[in-house]
């Protein structure tokens, strides 16, 4: 499974996003399941409503319903101490809840393979405090 970040989804669903064409082309090459978290879905919906229009978030959710774009990792109450620890550790960036949930997800999956348009943060973040993320979209963004 590949971890999918907010920027990937926003770029995919917002034709005016700077990364839209690259992300759209990259999405066609993905041949394994994607996984994300509810904080990411929430952030995607907020950004699509703000940047595009209120219906764009509904389109994103409807597409998930019909095409099953991703699996949703369930964050449990027992995960909150680790999320707090991560947000404190990366407060200088700062790390938001969506990003913390993805670091937690990488730790649960045992890998940091991610698709993200956020090259700065996911270049800095470490899962299990020392493992770097591998942003699979980074090569495509540099072309």
N, C-alpha and C. Protein backbone atom coordinates (compact mmCIF):
# COMPACT_ATOMS: atom_id res chain seq x y z
N UNK A 1 0.84 -1.19 0.00
CA UNK A 1 0.00 0.00 0.00
C UNK A 1 0.88 1.25 0.00
N UNK A 2 0.43 2.25 -0.72
CA UNK A 2 1.13 3.53 -0.78
C UNK A 2 0.33 4.55 0.03
N UNK A 3 1.02 5.31 0.86
CA UNK A 3 0.40 6.37 1.67
C UNK A 3 0.13 7.57 0.76
N UNK A 4 -1.07 8.12 0.84
CA UNK A 4 -1.43 9.28 0.01
C UNK A 4 -1.70 10.49 0.90
N UNK A 5 -1.00 11.58 0.62
CA UNK A 5 -1.10 12.82 1.38
C UNK A 5 -2.13 13.77 0.77
N UNK A 6 -2.48 14.77 1.52
CA UNK A 6 -3.46 15.79 1.11
C UNK A 6 -3.15 16.40 -0.24
N UNK A 7 -1.92 16.86 -0.43
CA UNK A 7 -1.54 17.54 -1.67
C UNK A 7 -1.79 16.71 -2.91
N UNK A 8 -1.60 15.42 -2.80
CA UNK A 8 -1.85 14.53 -3.93
C UNK A 8 -3.32 14.58 -4.32
N UNK A 9 -4.20 14.42 -3.33
CA UNK A 9 -5.64 14.41 -3.61
C UNK A 9 -6.13 15.76 -4.12
N UNK A 10 -5.65 16.85 -3.50
CA UNK A 10 -6.08 18.19 -3.94
C UNK A 10 -5.64 18.43 -5.38
N UNK A 11 -4.38 18.11 -5.68
CA UNK A 11 -3.89 18.31 -7.05
C UNK A 11 -4.66 17.45 -8.05
N UNK A 12 -5.04 16.25 -7.65
CA UNK A 12 -5.78 15.36 -8.54
C UNK A 12 -7.17 15.90 -8.86
N UNK A 13 -7.82 16.51 -7.87
CA UNK A 13 -9.20 16.96 -8.04
C UNK A 13 -9.35 18.45 -8.38
N UNK A 14 -8.27 19.21 -8.30
CA UNK A 14 -8.32 20.64 -8.62
C UNK A 14 -7.54 20.91 -9.90
N UNK A 15 -8.22 21.10 -11.03
CA UNK A 15 -7.52 21.32 -12.30
C UNK A 15 -6.65 22.58 -12.33
N UNK A 16 -6.89 23.50 -11.41
CA UNK A 16 -6.09 24.73 -11.36
C UNK A 16 -4.84 24.59 -10.50
N UNK A 17 -4.70 23.48 -9.80
CA UNK A 17 -3.52 23.24 -8.96
C UNK A 17 -2.28 23.14 -9.84
N UNK A 18 -1.17 23.72 -9.37
CA UNK A 18 0.08 23.72 -10.12
C UNK A 18 0.57 22.31 -10.47
N UNK A 19 0.23 21.33 -9.66
CA UNK A 19 0.71 19.97 -9.85
C UNK A 19 -0.33 19.06 -10.51
N UNK A 20 -1.46 19.62 -10.93
CA UNK A 20 -2.57 18.80 -11.43
C UNK A 20 -2.15 17.85 -12.55
N UNK A 21 -1.52 18.37 -13.58
CA UNK A 21 -1.18 17.52 -14.73
C UNK A 21 -0.20 16.41 -14.35
N UNK A 22 0.81 16.76 -13.55
CA UNK A 22 1.80 15.77 -13.12
C UNK A 22 1.15 14.69 -12.27
N UNK A 23 0.33 15.11 -11.31
CA UNK A 23 -0.33 14.16 -10.41
C UNK A 23 -1.31 13.29 -11.18
N UNK A 24 -2.02 13.89 -12.08
CA UNK A 24 -2.99 13.12 -12.87
C UNK A 24 -2.28 12.04 -13.70
N UNK A 25 -1.18 12.41 -14.34
CA UNK A 25 -0.40 11.44 -15.12
C UNK A 25 0.17 10.36 -14.21
N UNK A 26 0.68 10.77 -13.06
CA UNK A 26 1.25 9.81 -12.12
C UNK A 26 0.18 8.85 -11.60
N UNK A 27 -1.00 9.35 -11.31
CA UNK A 27 -2.09 8.52 -10.78
C UNK A 27 -2.42 7.37 -11.72
N UNK A 28 -2.27 7.59 -13.00
CA UNK A 28 -2.57 6.55 -13.98
C UNK A 28 -1.55 5.41 -13.95
N UNK A 29 -0.38 5.66 -13.36
CA UNK A 29 0.67 4.64 -13.31
C UNK A 29 0.65 3.82 -12.02
N UNK A 30 -0.15 4.24 -11.06
CA UNK A 30 -0.18 3.55 -9.76
C UNK A 30 -0.85 2.19 -9.92
N UNK A 31 -0.14 1.15 -9.47
CA UNK A 31 -0.70 -0.20 -9.62
C UNK A 31 -0.77 -0.95 -8.29
N UNK A 32 -0.88 -0.19 -7.22
CA UNK A 32 -1.11 -0.81 -5.91
C UNK A 32 -2.05 0.07 -5.10
N UNK A 33 -2.68 -0.49 -4.08
CA UNK A 33 -3.68 0.26 -3.32
C UNK A 33 -3.09 1.47 -2.59
N UNK A 34 -3.93 2.49 -2.44
CA UNK A 34 -3.56 3.69 -1.69
C UNK A 34 -4.25 3.64 -0.33
N UNK A 35 -3.62 4.28 0.65
CA UNK A 35 -4.18 4.36 1.99
C UNK A 35 -3.95 5.76 2.52
N UNK A 36 -4.89 6.26 3.28
CA UNK A 36 -4.77 7.58 3.90
C UNK A 36 -5.51 7.56 5.24
N UNK A 37 -5.67 8.74 5.82
CA UNK A 37 -6.31 8.86 7.14
C UNK A 37 -7.47 9.85 7.07
N UNK A 38 -8.34 9.77 8.06
CA UNK A 38 -9.47 10.71 8.11
C UNK A 38 -9.02 12.17 8.24
N UNK A 39 -7.96 12.49 9.03
CA UNK A 39 -7.51 13.89 9.04
C UNK A 39 -7.10 14.38 7.64
N UNK A 40 -6.51 13.51 6.83
CA UNK A 40 -6.16 13.90 5.46
C UNK A 40 -7.43 14.13 4.65
N UNK A 41 -8.39 13.25 4.74
CA UNK A 41 -9.65 13.41 4.01
C UNK A 41 -10.33 14.72 4.42
N UNK A 42 -10.32 15.01 5.70
CA UNK A 42 -10.91 16.26 6.20
C UNK A 42 -10.20 17.48 5.59
N UNK A 43 -8.87 17.43 5.58
CA UNK A 43 -8.08 18.54 5.03
C UNK A 43 -8.33 18.68 3.53
N UNK A 44 -8.42 17.58 2.82
CA UNK A 44 -8.70 17.60 1.38
C UNK A 44 -10.06 18.26 1.13
N UNK A 45 -11.07 17.85 1.86
CA UNK A 45 -12.40 18.43 1.68
C UNK A 45 -12.40 19.93 1.95
N UNK A 46 -11.74 20.34 3.01
CA UNK A 46 -11.66 21.77 3.33
C UNK A 46 -10.98 22.54 2.19
N UNK A 47 -9.85 22.04 1.73
CA UNK A 47 -9.10 22.76 0.69
C UNK A 47 -9.84 22.77 -0.64
N UNK A 48 -10.49 21.68 -1.00
CA UNK A 48 -11.26 21.67 -2.25
C UNK A 48 -12.43 22.63 -2.19
N UNK A 49 -13.11 22.71 -1.03
CA UNK A 49 -14.22 23.66 -0.88
C UNK A 49 -13.71 25.10 -0.97
N UNK A 50 -12.57 25.35 -0.34
CA UNK A 50 -12.02 26.71 -0.30
C UNK A 50 -11.47 27.13 -1.66
N UNK A 51 -10.73 26.26 -2.31
CA UNK A 51 -10.05 26.60 -3.56
C UNK A 51 -10.94 26.49 -4.79
N UNK A 52 -11.84 25.54 -4.78
CA UNK A 52 -12.66 25.29 -5.97
C UNK A 52 -14.09 25.76 -5.75
N UNK A 53 -14.88 24.89 -5.15
CA UNK A 53 -16.26 25.22 -4.81
C UNK A 53 -16.78 24.16 -3.85
N UNK A 54 -17.87 24.44 -3.16
CA UNK A 54 -18.38 23.51 -2.16
C UNK A 54 -18.68 22.11 -2.69
N UNK A 55 -19.02 22.00 -3.96
CA UNK A 55 -19.35 20.70 -4.52
C UNK A 55 -18.13 19.83 -4.79
N UNK A 56 -16.95 20.43 -4.92
CA UNK A 56 -15.75 19.67 -5.25
C UNK A 56 -15.41 18.66 -4.16
N UNK A 57 -15.63 19.02 -2.90
CA UNK A 57 -15.40 18.08 -1.81
C UNK A 57 -16.37 16.91 -1.89
N UNK A 58 -17.61 17.20 -2.23
CA UNK A 58 -18.60 16.14 -2.38
C UNK A 58 -18.24 15.22 -3.54
N UNK A 59 -17.69 15.78 -4.60
CA UNK A 59 -17.25 14.97 -5.74
C UNK A 59 -16.12 14.04 -5.32
N UNK A 60 -15.18 14.57 -4.54
CA UNK A 60 -14.07 13.75 -4.02
C UNK A 60 -14.62 12.57 -3.21
N UNK A 61 -15.53 12.86 -2.29
CA UNK A 61 -16.11 11.81 -1.44
C UNK A 61 -16.96 10.83 -2.25
N UNK A 62 -17.71 11.33 -3.21
CA UNK A 62 -18.53 10.47 -4.06
C UNK A 62 -17.65 9.55 -4.90
N UNK A 63 -16.53 10.09 -5.40
CA UNK A 63 -15.60 9.27 -6.17
C UNK A 63 -15.02 8.16 -5.31
N UNK A 64 -14.71 8.48 -4.04
CA UNK A 64 -14.24 7.45 -3.12
C UNK A 64 -15.30 6.37 -2.94
N UNK A 65 -16.52 6.79 -2.81
CA UNK A 65 -17.64 5.86 -2.62
C UNK A 65 -17.79 4.91 -3.79
N UNK A 66 -17.68 5.44 -4.99
CA UNK A 66 -17.94 4.62 -6.18
C UNK A 66 -16.69 3.92 -6.72
N UNK A 67 -15.53 4.57 -6.65
CA UNK A 67 -14.31 3.99 -7.25
C UNK A 67 -13.36 3.40 -6.21
N UNK A 68 -13.66 3.60 -4.95
CA UNK A 68 -12.80 3.13 -3.86
C UNK A 68 -11.33 3.49 -4.14
N UNK A 69 -11.04 4.78 -4.12
CA UNK A 69 -9.71 5.29 -4.42
C UNK A 69 -8.66 4.87 -3.40
N UNK A 70 -9.08 4.73 -2.15
CA UNK A 70 -8.14 4.47 -1.07
C UNK A 70 -8.79 3.70 0.06
N UNK A 71 -7.94 3.11 0.89
CA UNK A 71 -8.39 2.55 2.17
C UNK A 71 -8.18 3.62 3.22
N UNK A 72 -8.94 3.54 4.27
CA UNK A 72 -8.87 4.53 5.34
C UNK A 72 -8.33 3.87 6.60
N UNK A 73 -7.18 4.36 7.05
CA UNK A 73 -6.58 3.87 8.29
C UNK A 73 -7.32 4.48 9.47
N UNK A 74 -7.72 3.66 10.41
CA UNK A 74 -8.47 4.14 11.57
C UNK A 74 -7.53 4.57 12.69
N UNK A 75 -7.59 5.83 13.04
CA UNK A 75 -6.83 6.33 14.17
C UNK A 75 -7.65 6.06 15.42
N UNK A 76 -6.99 5.47 16.40
CA UNK A 76 -7.66 5.12 17.65
C UNK A 76 -7.20 6.05 18.76
N UNK A 77 -7.95 6.06 19.82
CA UNK A 77 -7.59 6.89 20.97
C UNK A 77 -6.19 6.55 21.47
N UNK A 78 -5.81 5.29 21.40
CA UNK A 78 -4.48 4.85 21.85
C UNK A 78 -3.35 5.46 21.02
N UNK A 79 -3.66 5.95 19.81
CA UNK A 79 -2.66 6.58 18.95
C UNK A 79 -2.37 8.03 19.34
N UNK A 80 -3.27 8.65 20.09
CA UNK A 80 -3.14 10.08 20.38
C UNK A 80 -1.83 10.46 21.06
N UNK A 81 -1.31 9.70 22.02
CA UNK A 81 -0.03 10.11 22.62
C UNK A 81 1.10 10.20 21.58
N UNK A 82 1.14 9.29 20.63
CA UNK A 82 2.18 9.35 19.59
C UNK A 82 1.96 10.54 18.68
N UNK A 83 0.73 10.84 18.34
CA UNK A 83 0.43 12.00 17.51
C UNK A 83 0.86 13.28 18.21
N UNK A 84 0.56 13.40 19.50
CA UNK A 84 0.99 14.57 20.27
C UNK A 84 2.51 14.67 20.29
N UNK A 85 3.17 13.55 20.52
CA UNK A 85 4.63 13.52 20.54
C UNK A 85 5.21 14.02 19.22
N UNK A 86 4.65 13.56 18.10
CA UNK A 86 5.12 13.99 16.78
C UNK A 86 4.88 15.48 16.55
N UNK A 87 3.70 15.97 16.93
CA UNK A 87 3.38 17.38 16.72
C UNK A 87 4.30 18.28 17.55
N UNK A 88 4.68 17.82 18.73
CA UNK A 88 5.64 18.58 19.56
C UNK A 88 7.03 18.50 18.94
N UNK A 89 7.43 17.32 18.51
CA UNK A 89 8.75 17.12 17.93
C UNK A 89 8.96 17.99 16.69
N UNK A 90 7.93 18.14 15.87
CA UNK A 90 8.04 18.90 14.63
C UNK A 90 7.31 20.24 14.70
N UNK A 91 7.21 20.80 15.88
CA UNK A 91 6.49 22.07 16.07
C UNK A 91 7.11 23.21 15.28
N UNK A 92 8.39 23.12 14.97
CA UNK A 92 9.05 24.20 14.24
C UNK A 92 8.61 24.26 12.77
N UNK A 93 8.00 23.20 12.22
CA UNK A 93 7.59 23.25 10.81
C UNK A 93 6.32 24.07 10.59
N UNK A 94 5.26 24.01 11.27
CA UNK A 94 4.80 23.06 12.27
C UNK A 94 4.15 21.86 11.59
N UNK A 95 4.01 20.77 12.35
CA UNK A 95 3.33 19.57 11.87
C UNK A 95 1.86 19.66 12.27
N UNK A 96 0.97 19.47 11.29
CA UNK A 96 -0.46 19.47 11.60
C UNK A 96 -0.94 18.04 11.86
N UNK A 97 -2.19 17.92 12.23
CA UNK A 97 -2.76 16.61 12.56
C UNK A 97 -2.72 15.66 11.37
N UNK A 98 -3.00 16.16 10.18
CA UNK A 98 -2.99 15.29 9.00
C UNK A 98 -1.60 14.69 8.77
N UNK A 99 -0.56 15.52 8.84
CA UNK A 99 0.80 15.00 8.66
C UNK A 99 1.19 14.05 9.77
N UNK A 100 0.83 14.37 11.00
CA UNK A 100 1.14 13.47 12.12
C UNK A 100 0.46 12.12 11.92
N UNK A 101 -0.77 12.14 11.40
CA UNK A 101 -1.48 10.89 11.18
C UNK A 101 -0.79 10.04 10.11
N UNK A 102 -0.14 10.68 9.14
CA UNK A 102 0.56 9.94 8.10
C UNK A 102 1.88 9.36 8.60
N UNK A 103 2.55 10.08 9.50
CA UNK A 103 3.76 9.52 10.12
C UNK A 103 3.36 8.30 10.95
N UNK A 104 2.30 8.44 11.71
CA UNK A 104 1.77 7.31 12.49
C UNK A 104 1.43 6.13 11.57
N UNK A 105 0.79 6.41 10.46
CA UNK A 105 0.43 5.37 9.50
C UNK A 105 1.67 4.66 8.97
N UNK A 106 2.71 5.42 8.64
CA UNK A 106 3.96 4.81 8.17
C UNK A 106 4.53 3.88 9.23
N UNK A 107 4.46 4.31 10.47
CA UNK A 107 4.96 3.47 11.56
C UNK A 107 4.14 2.18 11.68
N UNK A 108 2.85 2.28 11.49
CA UNK A 108 1.98 1.10 11.56
C UNK A 108 2.22 0.17 10.38
N UNK A 109 2.45 0.73 9.19
CA UNK A 109 2.67 -0.08 7.99
C UNK A 109 4.09 -0.65 7.94
N UNK A 110 5.02 0.04 8.58
CA UNK A 110 6.42 -0.38 8.53
C UNK A 110 7.15 0.09 7.29
N UNK A 111 6.62 1.13 6.64
CA UNK A 111 7.31 1.75 5.50
C UNK A 111 6.85 3.19 5.34
N UNK A 112 7.66 3.96 4.64
CA UNK A 112 7.35 5.38 4.42
C UNK A 112 7.18 5.72 2.96
N UNK A 113 6.63 4.80 2.17
CA UNK A 113 6.37 5.09 0.76
C UNK A 113 5.12 5.95 0.66
N UNK A 114 5.31 7.18 0.16
CA UNK A 114 4.23 8.17 0.16
C UNK A 114 4.17 8.87 -1.18
N UNK A 115 2.98 9.37 -1.52
CA UNK A 115 2.84 10.28 -2.65
C UNK A 115 2.33 11.59 -2.09
N UNK A 116 3.14 12.63 -2.30
CA UNK A 116 2.84 13.93 -1.72
C UNK A 116 3.43 15.04 -2.58
N UNK A 117 2.73 16.15 -2.68
CA UNK A 117 3.29 17.33 -3.34
C UNK A 117 4.10 18.17 -2.36
N UNK A 118 4.05 17.80 -1.09
CA UNK A 118 4.75 18.52 -0.02
C UNK A 118 6.17 17.96 0.11
N UNK A 119 7.09 18.50 -0.65
CA UNK A 119 8.45 17.98 -0.69
C UNK A 119 9.25 18.37 0.55
N UNK A 120 8.96 19.52 1.14
CA UNK A 120 9.74 19.98 2.30
C UNK A 120 9.45 19.13 3.53
N UNK A 121 8.20 19.05 3.92
CA UNK A 121 7.86 18.37 5.17
C UNK A 121 8.18 16.88 5.12
N UNK A 122 7.80 16.22 4.05
CA UNK A 122 8.04 14.77 4.02
C UNK A 122 9.48 14.42 3.70
N UNK A 123 10.27 15.42 3.39
CA UNK A 123 11.72 15.22 3.32
C UNK A 123 12.31 15.31 4.74
N UNK A 124 11.65 16.07 5.61
CA UNK A 124 12.11 16.29 6.98
C UNK A 124 11.60 15.24 7.96
N UNK A 125 10.32 14.89 7.85
CA UNK A 125 9.72 13.95 8.79
C UNK A 125 10.43 12.60 8.77
N UNK A 126 10.44 11.95 9.92
CA UNK A 126 10.97 10.60 10.06
C UNK A 126 9.94 9.74 10.77
N UNK A 127 9.71 8.55 10.26
CA UNK A 127 8.84 7.61 10.95
C UNK A 127 9.74 6.70 11.78
N UNK A 128 9.22 6.29 12.91
CA UNK A 128 10.00 5.57 13.93
C UNK A 128 11.23 6.40 14.32
N UNK A 129 11.10 7.73 14.23
CA UNK A 129 12.10 8.72 14.64
C UNK A 129 13.39 8.74 13.83
N UNK A 130 13.60 7.81 12.91
CA UNK A 130 14.84 7.87 12.14
C UNK A 130 14.69 7.40 10.69
N UNK A 131 13.57 6.82 10.33
CA UNK A 131 13.39 6.31 8.97
C UNK A 131 12.84 7.41 8.06
N UNK A 132 13.52 7.71 6.95
CA UNK A 132 13.02 8.75 6.05
C UNK A 132 11.85 8.26 5.19
N UNK A 133 11.05 9.19 4.74
CA UNK A 133 9.99 8.88 3.80
C UNK A 133 10.59 8.78 2.39
N UNK A 134 9.96 7.99 1.57
CA UNK A 134 10.31 7.91 0.15
C UNK A 134 9.12 8.44 -0.63
N UNK A 135 9.25 9.68 -1.11
CA UNK A 135 8.16 10.32 -1.82
C UNK A 135 8.18 9.86 -3.28
N UNK A 136 7.29 8.98 -3.64
CA UNK A 136 7.26 8.40 -4.97
C UNK A 136 6.89 9.44 -6.04
N UNK A 137 6.27 10.51 -5.64
CA UNK A 137 5.87 11.55 -6.58
C UNK A 137 7.01 12.53 -6.85
N UNK A 138 8.03 12.55 -6.02
CA UNK A 138 9.10 13.53 -6.12
C UNK A 138 9.79 13.53 -7.49
N UNK A 139 10.07 12.38 -8.03
CA UNK A 139 10.72 12.29 -9.34
C UNK A 139 9.84 12.91 -10.40
N UNK A 140 8.55 12.63 -10.36
CA UNK A 140 7.62 13.17 -11.35
C UNK A 140 7.52 14.70 -11.23
N UNK A 141 7.58 15.23 -10.01
CA UNK A 141 7.49 16.68 -9.82
C UNK A 141 8.72 17.41 -10.33
N UNK A 142 9.85 16.75 -10.35
CA UNK A 142 11.10 17.38 -10.77
C UNK A 142 11.26 17.41 -12.29
N UNK A 143 10.41 16.72 -13.00
CA UNK A 143 10.55 16.67 -14.46
C UNK A 143 9.92 17.85 -15.12
